[in-house]
N, C-alpha and C. Protein backbone atom coordinates (compact mmCIF):
# COMPACT_ATOMS: atom_id res chain seq x y z
N UNK A 1 -57.04 11.41 24.54
CA UNK A 1 -57.48 9.97 23.75
C UNK A 1 -56.80 9.85 23.73
N UNK A 2 -56.47 8.23 23.53
CA UNK A 2 -55.27 7.04 22.91
C UNK A 2 -55.51 7.14 21.30
N UNK A 3 -55.13 7.64 20.49
CA UNK A 3 -54.91 7.41 19.03
C UNK A 3 -55.13 6.04 18.89
N UNK A 4 -55.87 4.78 17.26
CA UNK A 4 -55.62 4.00 17.53
C UNK A 4 -54.54 3.78 16.46
N UNK A 5 -54.05 2.41 16.80
CA UNK A 5 -52.84 1.81 15.79
C UNK A 5 -52.87 2.25 14.45
N UNK A 6 -52.79 2.07 14.05
CA UNK A 6 -52.84 2.34 12.41
C UNK A 6 -52.81 0.80 11.28
N UNK A 7 -53.66 0.36 10.93
CA UNK A 7 -54.18 -0.80 10.94
C UNK A 7 -52.68 -1.54 10.44
N UNK A 8 -52.79 -2.87 10.43
CA UNK A 8 -51.33 -3.87 9.92
C UNK A 8 -50.03 -3.49 10.91
N UNK A 9 -50.33 -2.37 12.15
CA UNK A 9 -49.22 -2.00 12.55
C UNK A 9 -48.69 -2.90 13.89
N UNK A 10 -47.52 -3.16 14.02
CA UNK A 10 -47.06 -3.72 14.77
C UNK A 10 -48.27 -3.33 16.54
N UNK A 11 -48.53 -4.69 16.96
CA UNK A 11 -49.04 -4.69 18.71
C UNK A 11 -48.58 -3.46 19.57
N UNK A 12 -47.10 -3.76 19.86
CA UNK A 12 -46.61 -3.21 20.79
C UNK A 12 -45.50 -2.46 20.24
N UNK A 13 -44.91 -1.74 21.45
CA UNK A 13 -43.61 -0.96 21.28
C UNK A 13 -42.62 -2.12 20.52
N UNK A 14 -42.24 -2.53 21.38
CA UNK A 14 -40.80 -3.86 21.08
C UNK A 14 -41.16 -4.06 19.93
N UNK A 15 -42.51 -4.74 19.52
CA UNK A 15 -42.34 -5.43 18.21
C UNK A 15 -42.50 -4.02 17.30
N UNK A 16 -43.14 -3.26 17.39
CA UNK A 16 -42.15 -2.03 15.82
C UNK A 16 -41.10 -1.50 16.44
N UNK A 17 -40.39 -1.61 17.24
CA UNK A 17 -38.56 -1.25 17.13
C UNK A 17 -38.46 -2.56 16.35
N UNK A 18 -38.61 -3.50 16.19
CA UNK A 18 -38.04 -4.77 15.87
C UNK A 18 -38.72 -4.96 14.89
N UNK A 19 -39.49 -4.16 14.09
CA UNK A 19 -40.19 -4.62 13.12
C UNK A 19 -39.56 -3.14 11.65
N UNK A 20 -39.27 -2.07 12.63
CA UNK A 20 -38.43 -0.62 11.36
C UNK A 20 -37.22 -1.25 11.60
N UNK A 21 -36.56 -1.93 12.44
CA UNK A 21 -34.92 -1.95 12.29
C UNK A 21 -35.00 -3.34 10.43
N UNK A 22 -36.11 -3.86 10.60
CA UNK A 22 -36.20 -4.74 9.04
C UNK A 22 -36.32 -3.96 7.98
N UNK A 23 -36.51 -2.37 8.11
CA UNK A 23 -37.76 -2.21 6.63
C UNK A 23 -36.25 -1.62 5.72
N UNK A 24 -36.26 -1.80 4.19
CA UNK A 24 -35.46 -0.71 4.13
C UNK A 24 -35.90 0.20 2.74
N UNK A 25 -37.14 -0.71 2.53
CA UNK A 25 -38.34 0.75 1.94
C UNK A 25 -39.54 0.50 2.64
N UNK A 26 -39.38 1.71 3.02
CA UNK A 26 -40.67 2.46 3.86
C UNK A 26 -41.99 2.26 3.36
N UNK A 27 -42.76 1.76 3.87
CA UNK A 27 -44.08 2.04 3.57
C UNK A 27 -44.79 2.65 4.06
N UNK A 28 -45.84 3.44 3.60
CA UNK A 28 -46.69 4.74 4.49
C UNK A 28 -46.91 3.94 5.49
N UNK A 29 -47.43 2.62 5.81
CA UNK A 29 -47.84 2.06 7.01
C UNK A 29 -46.24 2.35 8.03
N UNK A 30 -45.00 2.26 7.34
CA UNK A 30 -43.50 1.94 7.92
C UNK A 30 -43.75 3.11 8.59
N UNK A 31 -43.73 4.31 7.67
CA UNK A 31 -43.40 5.84 8.34
C UNK A 31 -44.25 5.75 9.87
N UNK A 32 -45.71 5.52 9.56
CA UNK A 32 -46.35 5.94 10.82
C UNK A 32 -46.03 5.28 11.59
N UNK A 33 -45.24 4.17 11.71
CA UNK A 33 -44.72 3.26 12.55
C UNK A 33 -43.67 3.83 12.65
N UNK A 34 -42.88 4.49 12.54
CA UNK A 34 -41.58 5.70 12.56
C UNK A 34 -42.14 7.08 13.52
N UNK A 35 -42.75 7.48 12.97
CA UNK A 35 -43.26 8.07 13.68
C UNK A 35 -44.30 7.99 15.49
N UNK A 36 -44.32 7.05 15.25
CA UNK A 36 -45.19 6.48 16.59
C UNK A 36 -43.96 5.94 17.45
N UNK A 37 -43.27 5.19 17.08
CA UNK A 37 -41.84 4.78 17.90
C UNK A 37 -41.29 6.07 17.96
N UNK A 38 -41.14 6.98 17.24
CA UNK A 38 -40.18 8.17 17.47
C UNK A 38 -40.89 9.30 18.63
N UNK A 39 -41.64 9.38 18.43
CA UNK A 39 -42.46 10.02 19.45
C UNK A 39 -43.00 9.31 20.66
N UNK A 40 -42.80 7.85 20.58
CA UNK A 40 -42.52 7.35 22.06
C UNK A 40 -41.38 7.16 23.06
N UNK A 41 -39.85 7.80 21.89
CA UNK A 41 -39.28 7.62 22.32
C UNK A 41 -38.86 8.17 23.13
N UNK A 42 -39.37 9.90 23.06
CA UNK A 42 -39.81 10.89 23.63
C UNK A 42 -39.34 10.29 25.15
N UNK A 43 -40.27 10.02 25.51
CA UNK A 43 -40.76 9.46 26.65
C UNK A 43 -39.89 8.61 27.45
N UNK A 44 -39.84 7.84 26.72
CA UNK A 44 -38.63 6.44 27.29
C UNK A 44 -37.64 7.78 28.02
N UNK A 45 -37.19 8.34 26.71
CA UNK A 45 -36.11 9.79 27.10
C UNK A 45 -36.01 10.49 28.68
N UNK A 46 -37.60 11.05 28.81
CA UNK A 46 -37.92 11.60 29.73
C UNK A 46 -37.88 10.46 30.98
N UNK A 47 -37.83 9.42 30.78
CA UNK A 47 -38.09 8.45 31.62
C UNK A 47 -37.26 7.91 32.33
N UNK A 48 -35.90 8.12 31.48
CA UNK A 48 -34.93 7.48 31.64
C UNK A 48 -33.76 8.39 32.23
N UNK A 49 -34.52 9.54 32.29
CA UNK A 49 -33.71 10.87 32.41
C UNK A 49 -34.03 10.94 34.44
N UNK A 50 -34.97 10.91 34.69
CA UNK A 50 -35.52 10.83 35.71
C UNK A 50 -34.89 9.48 36.65
N UNK A 51 -34.53 8.54 36.25
CA UNK A 51 -33.82 7.90 36.77
C UNK A 51 -31.87 7.99 37.38
N UNK A 52 -31.98 9.30 37.48
CA UNK A 52 -30.39 9.69 37.11
C UNK A 52 -30.46 11.21 38.81
N UNK A 53 -29.59 11.01 39.40
CA UNK A 53 -29.33 13.02 40.62
C UNK A 53 -28.43 13.25 39.47
N UNK A 54 -28.05 12.82 38.33
CA UNK A 54 -26.59 14.02 37.60
C UNK A 54 -27.72 14.56 36.86
N UNK A 55 -27.35 15.86 36.82
CA UNK A 55 -28.29 16.17 36.11
C UNK A 55 -27.72 17.26 35.70
N UNK A 56 -26.40 16.92 34.21
CA UNK A 56 -25.58 16.98 33.01
C UNK A 56 -26.35 15.72 32.42
N UNK A 57 -26.34 14.54 33.17
CA UNK A 57 -26.57 13.50 32.24
C UNK A 57 -27.88 13.40 32.09
N UNK A 58 -29.19 13.94 32.80
CA UNK A 58 -30.41 14.15 32.81
C UNK A 58 -30.48 15.53 31.45
N UNK A 59 -29.64 16.14 31.26
CA UNK A 59 -30.14 17.16 30.29
C UNK A 59 -29.87 16.61 29.27
N UNK A 60 -28.48 15.56 29.26
CA UNK A 60 -28.02 15.03 28.19
C UNK A 60 -29.90 14.15 27.30
N UNK A 61 -29.54 13.11 28.46
CA UNK A 61 -30.70 12.11 28.02
C UNK A 61 -32.35 13.56 27.16
N UNK A 62 -32.83 14.23 28.08
CA UNK A 62 -33.68 15.14 27.75
C UNK A 62 -33.56 15.89 26.33
N UNK A 63 -32.22 16.41 25.95
CA UNK A 63 -32.29 17.13 24.78
C UNK A 63 -33.07 16.10 23.79
N UNK A 64 -32.12 14.71 23.75
CA UNK A 64 -32.14 13.49 22.80
C UNK A 64 -33.91 13.11 22.88
N UNK A 65 -35.10 12.98 24.01
CA UNK A 65 -35.72 12.91 24.26
C UNK A 65 -36.83 14.55 22.93
N UNK A 66 -35.91 14.81 23.00
CA UNK A 66 -36.83 16.24 22.48
C UNK A 66 -36.86 16.25 21.20
N UNK A 67 -35.05 15.51 20.81
CA UNK A 67 -35.11 15.88 19.16
C UNK A 67 -35.95 14.35 18.39
N UNK A 68 -36.33 13.34 19.41
CA UNK A 68 -36.89 12.29 19.05
C UNK A 68 -38.30 12.77 18.59
N UNK A 69 -39.01 13.80 19.44
CA UNK A 69 -40.26 13.53 19.00
C UNK A 69 -40.10 15.09 17.51
N UNK A 70 -39.18 15.54 17.41
CA UNK A 70 -39.00 16.23 15.87
C UNK A 70 -38.52 15.18 14.76
N UNK A 71 -38.03 14.08 15.36
CA UNK A 71 -37.97 12.32 14.44
C UNK A 71 -39.23 12.64 13.97
N UNK A 72 -40.45 12.47 15.12
CA UNK A 72 -41.78 11.65 14.81
C UNK A 72 -42.24 12.44 14.09
N UNK A 73 -42.30 14.24 14.00
CA UNK A 73 -43.18 14.81 13.18
C UNK A 73 -42.37 14.89 11.64
N UNK A 74 -41.22 14.54 11.74
CA UNK A 74 -40.42 14.27 10.26
C UNK A 74 -40.68 13.08 9.80
N UNK A 75 -41.19 12.33 10.77
CA UNK A 75 -41.43 11.16 9.69
C UNK A 75 -43.13 11.15 9.50
N UNK A 76 -43.91 11.99 9.98
CA UNK A 76 -45.18 12.45 9.63
C UNK A 76 -44.92 13.00 8.51
N UNK A 77 -44.33 13.81 8.55
CA UNK A 77 -44.31 14.87 7.13
C UNK A 77 -43.84 14.11 5.74
N UNK A 78 -43.01 12.82 6.33
CA UNK A 78 -42.92 12.10 5.18
C UNK A 78 -44.02 11.12 4.84
N UNK A 79 -44.92 11.26 5.69
CA UNK A 79 -46.22 10.19 5.38
C UNK A 79 -46.62 11.39 4.17
N UNK A 80 -46.71 12.69 4.87
CA UNK A 80 -48.10 13.74 3.60
C UNK A 80 -46.96 14.07 2.94
N UNK A 81 -45.90 13.84 2.81
CA UNK A 81 -44.77 13.74 0.67
C UNK A 81 -45.64 12.40 0.07
N UNK A 82 -45.24 11.80 0.89
CA UNK A 82 -45.75 10.53 0.19
C UNK A 82 -46.64 10.24 -0.26
N UNK A 83 -47.50 10.44 0.44
CA UNK A 83 -48.86 10.09 0.19
C UNK A 83 -50.18 11.26 0.25
N UNK A 84 -49.99 12.25 0.74
CA UNK A 84 -51.25 13.29 0.95
C UNK A 84 -51.71 13.22 1.92
N UNK A 85 -51.73 12.24 2.54
CA UNK A 85 -52.47 11.61 3.99
C UNK A 85 -51.44 12.63 5.53
N UNK A 86 -52.36 13.29 5.81
CA UNK A 86 -52.24 14.17 6.93
C UNK A 86 -52.01 13.10 8.47
N UNK A 87 -50.85 12.52 9.57
CA UNK A 87 -50.63 11.80 10.54
C UNK A 87 -49.91 12.95 11.69
N UNK A 88 -50.49 12.69 12.44
CA UNK A 88 -49.84 13.27 13.55
C UNK A 88 -49.09 12.86 14.55
N UNK A 89 -48.02 13.02 15.16
CA UNK A 89 -47.40 11.91 15.83
C UNK A 89 -48.13 12.44 17.24
N UNK A 90 -48.42 11.56 18.36
CA UNK A 90 -49.23 11.71 19.23
C UNK A 90 -48.17 11.75 20.34
N UNK A 91 -48.46 13.10 21.33
CA UNK A 91 -48.17 13.22 22.36
C UNK A 91 -47.60 12.01 23.51
N UNK A 92 -47.31 11.61 24.84
CA UNK A 92 -47.21 11.10 25.32
C UNK A 92 -48.56 9.69 25.55
N UNK A 93 -49.57 11.01 26.09
CA UNK A 93 -50.87 10.44 26.66
C UNK A 93 -52.19 9.57 25.14
N UNK A 94 -51.17 10.04 24.32
CA UNK A 94 -52.15 9.87 23.15
C UNK A 94 -51.66 8.65 22.40
N UNK A 95 -50.35 7.87 22.65
CA UNK A 95 -49.44 7.62 22.05
C UNK A 95 -50.00 5.95 22.02
N UNK A 96 -50.53 4.72 21.33
CA UNK A 96 -50.94 4.16 21.44
C UNK A 96 -49.44 2.63 22.33
N UNK A 97 -48.47 2.82 21.65
CA UNK A 97 -47.30 2.50 22.44
C UNK A 97 -47.17 2.74 23.22
N UNK A 98 -47.35 3.68 24.27
CA UNK A 98 -47.02 3.97 25.34
C UNK A 98 -48.66 3.41 26.61
N UNK A 99 -50.27 3.34 25.95
CA UNK A 99 -50.94 3.03 26.42
C UNK A 99 -50.34 2.08 27.59
N UNK A 100 -51.44 2.65 28.70
CA UNK A 100 -50.99 2.03 29.82
C UNK A 100 -49.75 1.75 30.54
N UNK A 101 -49.46 3.39 30.15
CA UNK A 101 -48.24 3.41 30.93
C UNK A 101 -46.93 2.53 30.62
N UNK A 102 -47.14 1.67 29.79
CA UNK A 102 -46.48 0.92 29.12
C UNK A 102 -44.72 2.28 28.18
N UNK A 103 -44.00 2.00 29.15
CA UNK A 103 -42.68 2.89 29.17
C UNK A 103 -41.39 2.57 29.17
N UNK A 104 -40.89 1.10 28.92
CA UNK A 104 -39.97 0.76 30.04
C UNK A 104 -38.73 1.99 29.41
N UNK A 105 -37.93 1.23 30.65
CA UNK A 105 -36.77 2.40 30.48
C UNK A 105 -35.11 2.35 30.95
N UNK A 106 -34.41 2.38 29.81
CA UNK A 106 -32.84 1.79 30.55
C UNK A 106 -32.13 2.18 31.85
N UNK A 107 -31.93 1.65 32.76
CA UNK A 107 -31.09 2.19 34.11
C UNK A 107 -29.91 3.42 33.23
N UNK A 108 -29.92 3.70 34.64
CA UNK A 108 -28.72 4.72 33.39
C UNK A 108 -27.65 4.49 34.53
N UNK A 109 -26.72 3.27 33.95
CA UNK A 109 -25.70 3.24 34.04
C UNK A 109 -24.51 3.21 32.54
N UNK A 110 -23.23 3.30 33.05
CA UNK A 110 -22.69 3.74 31.64
C UNK A 110 -22.62 2.27 31.37
N UNK A 111 -22.74 1.22 31.44
CA UNK A 111 -22.93 0.58 29.90
C UNK A 111 -24.35 0.55 29.43
N UNK A 112 -25.44 0.82 30.08
CA UNK A 112 -26.35 0.80 29.87
C UNK A 112 -26.60 1.83 28.34
N UNK A 113 -25.77 2.86 28.88
CA UNK A 113 -26.10 3.90 27.82
C UNK A 113 -25.15 3.97 26.64
N UNK A 114 -24.13 3.27 27.23
CA UNK A 114 -22.85 2.89 26.02
C UNK A 114 -24.07 1.70 25.54
N UNK A 115 -24.76 1.43 25.62
CA UNK A 115 -25.81 0.41 24.57
C UNK A 115 -27.01 1.04 23.92
N UNK A 116 -27.27 1.73 24.48
CA UNK A 116 -28.53 2.47 23.91
C UNK A 116 -27.22 3.72 22.98
N UNK A 117 -26.30 3.80 22.71
CA UNK A 117 -25.35 4.51 22.17
C UNK A 117 -25.61 4.11 20.67
N UNK A 118 -25.28 2.83 20.97
CA UNK A 118 -24.65 1.92 19.66
C UNK A 118 -26.06 1.85 18.85
N UNK A 119 -27.47 1.47 19.95
CA UNK A 119 -28.46 1.91 18.71
C UNK A 119 -29.11 3.15 17.71
N UNK A 120 -28.49 3.65 18.72
CA UNK A 120 -28.49 5.32 18.16
C UNK A 120 -27.55 5.39 16.68
N UNK A 121 -26.47 5.02 16.83
CA UNK A 121 -25.49 4.63 15.64
C UNK A 121 -25.94 4.01 14.95
N UNK A 122 -26.69 3.58 15.24
CA UNK A 122 -27.41 2.44 14.05
C UNK A 122 -29.02 3.55 13.01
N UNK A 123 -29.02 4.19 14.01
CA UNK A 123 -29.76 4.57 13.15
C UNK A 123 -29.73 5.74 12.06
N UNK A 124 -28.73 6.01 12.11
CA UNK A 124 -28.66 6.66 10.82
C UNK A 124 -28.33 5.92 9.73
N UNK A 125 -27.96 4.92 10.04
CA UNK A 125 -28.35 3.51 8.71
C UNK A 125 -29.23 3.45 7.91
N UNK A 126 -30.36 2.92 8.96
CA UNK A 126 -31.45 2.75 9.23
C UNK A 126 -32.58 3.85 7.96
N UNK A 127 -31.90 4.99 8.78
CA UNK A 127 -32.32 6.62 8.05
C UNK A 127 -31.76 7.07 6.19
N UNK A 128 -30.60 6.65 6.91
CA UNK A 128 -30.21 6.48 5.17
C UNK A 128 -30.55 5.91 4.12
N UNK A 129 -30.75 3.69 4.83
CA UNK A 129 -31.48 3.09 3.24
C UNK A 129 -32.80 3.58 3.47
N UNK A 130 -33.40 4.07 4.31
CA UNK A 130 -34.90 4.66 3.81
C UNK A 130 -34.76 5.58 2.86
N UNK A 131 -34.05 6.59 3.21
CA UNK A 131 -33.49 7.82 2.35
C UNK A 131 -32.96 7.69 0.76
N UNK A 132 -32.55 6.23 0.72
CA UNK A 132 -32.03 5.79 -0.98
C UNK A 132 -32.92 5.43 -1.27
N UNK A 133 -33.79 4.59 -0.54
CA UNK A 133 -34.64 3.29 -1.31
C UNK A 133 -36.38 4.09 -1.20
N UNK A 134 -36.40 5.10 -1.08
CA UNK A 134 -38.06 5.91 -1.61
C UNK A 134 -37.66 6.67 -2.55
N UNK A 135 -38.71 6.59 -3.18
CA UNK A 135 -38.71 7.47 -4.52
C UNK A 135 -39.35 8.93 -4.50
N UNK A 136 -39.06 9.60 -2.98
CA UNK A 136 -39.81 11.36 -2.95
C UNK A 136 -38.47 12.10 -2.12
N UNK A 137 -38.17 12.48 -2.87
CA UNK A 137 -37.43 13.49 -2.64
C UNK A 137 -37.13 14.35 -1.33
N UNK A 138 -38.48 15.18 -1.40
CA UNK A 138 -38.37 15.20 0.36
C UNK A 138 -38.80 14.36 1.20
N UNK A 139 -39.28 13.36 1.28
CA UNK A 139 -39.59 12.00 2.45
C UNK A 139 -37.51 11.99 2.97
N UNK A 140 -36.86 11.83 1.15
CA UNK A 140 -35.54 11.38 1.49
C UNK A 140 -34.57 12.53 2.05
N UNK A 141 -35.11 13.48 2.09
CA UNK A 141 -34.33 14.61 2.83
C UNK A 141 -34.57 14.91 4.57
N UNK A 142 -36.31 14.45 4.90
CA UNK A 142 -36.38 13.95 5.99
C UNK A 142 -35.52 13.28 6.46
N UNK A 143 -35.95 12.23 6.40
CA UNK A 143 -35.01 10.85 6.78
C UNK A 143 -33.78 10.87 7.24
N UNK A 144 -32.73 11.98 5.60
CA UNK A 144 -31.72 12.03 6.09
C UNK A 144 -31.59 13.04 7.41
N UNK A 145 -32.35 13.93 7.68
CA UNK A 145 -32.29 14.80 8.30
C UNK A 145 -32.49 14.30 10.11
N UNK A 146 -33.13 13.16 10.14
CA UNK A 146 -33.36 12.55 10.90
C UNK A 146 -32.32 11.76 11.61
N UNK A 147 -31.52 11.04 10.36
CA UNK A 147 -30.25 10.33 10.70
C UNK A 147 -29.20 10.68 11.34
N UNK A 148 -28.74 12.02 10.76
CA UNK A 148 -28.04 12.89 11.18
C UNK A 148 -27.84 13.05 12.84
N UNK A 149 -28.88 13.48 12.98
CA UNK A 149 -28.91 13.76 14.61
C UNK A 149 -29.42 12.00 15.12
N UNK A 150 -29.59 11.43 14.57
CA UNK A 150 -29.50 9.55 15.19
C UNK A 150 -27.80 9.88 16.05
N UNK A 151 -26.90 10.18 14.89
CA UNK A 151 -25.44 10.53 15.56
C UNK A 151 -25.34 11.05 16.48
N UNK A 152 -25.93 12.17 16.46
CA UNK A 152 -25.75 13.19 17.70
C UNK A 152 -26.56 12.40 18.70
N UNK A 153 -27.46 12.39 18.98
CA UNK A 153 -28.29 11.02 19.93
C UNK A 153 -26.97 10.23 20.51
N UNK A 154 -26.54 9.27 19.95
CA UNK A 154 -24.94 8.33 19.81
C UNK A 154 -24.37 9.45 20.70
N UNK A 155 -23.77 10.11 20.56
CA UNK A 155 -22.90 10.93 20.76
C UNK A 155 -23.07 11.28 22.25
N UNK A 156 -24.44 11.77 22.61
CA UNK A 156 -25.13 12.60 23.51
C UNK A 156 -24.75 11.50 24.76
N UNK A 157 -25.27 10.41 24.12
CA UNK A 157 -25.25 8.90 25.25
C UNK A 157 -24.01 8.75 25.61
N UNK A 158 -23.18 8.75 24.64
CA UNK A 158 -21.37 8.24 25.35
C UNK A 158 -20.83 9.46 26.24
N UNK A 159 -21.24 10.78 25.96
CA UNK A 159 -21.35 12.11 26.52
C UNK A 159 -21.72 11.52 28.17
N UNK A 160 -23.26 11.18 28.23
CA UNK A 160 -23.80 11.51 29.81
C UNK A 160 -23.12 9.93 29.97
N UNK A 161 -22.72 8.71 29.66
CA UNK A 161 -21.92 7.70 29.46
C UNK A 161 -20.35 8.01 30.78
N UNK A 162 -19.86 9.29 29.85
CA UNK A 162 -18.39 9.29 30.52
C UNK A 162 -18.94 10.44 31.74
N UNK A 163 -19.80 10.61 32.48
CA UNK A 163 -20.16 11.46 33.47
C UNK A 163 -20.18 10.00 34.40
N UNK A 164 -20.76 9.14 34.31
CA UNK A 164 -20.93 8.32 35.05
C UNK A 164 -19.88 7.38 35.48
N UNK A 165 -19.96 6.83 36.90
CA UNK A 165 -19.14 6.09 37.49
C UNK A 165 -18.89 4.74 37.09
N UNK A 166 -17.70 3.77 36.31
CA UNK A 166 -17.99 2.43 36.05
C UNK A 166 -18.45 1.46 37.30
């Protein structure tokens, strides 16, 4: 059963990604939205991997997807650290941002993967900003772990792009 969106959360995945990109000091709601978007990103990576016949590219995309769900879990742990509230990132079938099959995915081309990589590289700066601006050491630690892995995701995407023709 699809979990309800938290009160005040952006209505769509696209709006949620746009919102997260503007946040400098995260609220509990922002952390919940981050958990939902990171959980959705796992599915986006897996759907994207379905668009290639290159097994090495698919494996790199799926590795990113697995870590995206770990990021969702850490964002949920940050909710608990800051507010004491239990919040659990949903699997794809229960994620309100993926309701009704709303899972857009990028074409598997060198240019598309390179563009996605740039977004992932930006994720490290976003998480670092969150870590620097939150008054909770545990949440900051969790955000920094996620940020480092965002760079890993970008590097994997660049590896995958290098395996594809121009």
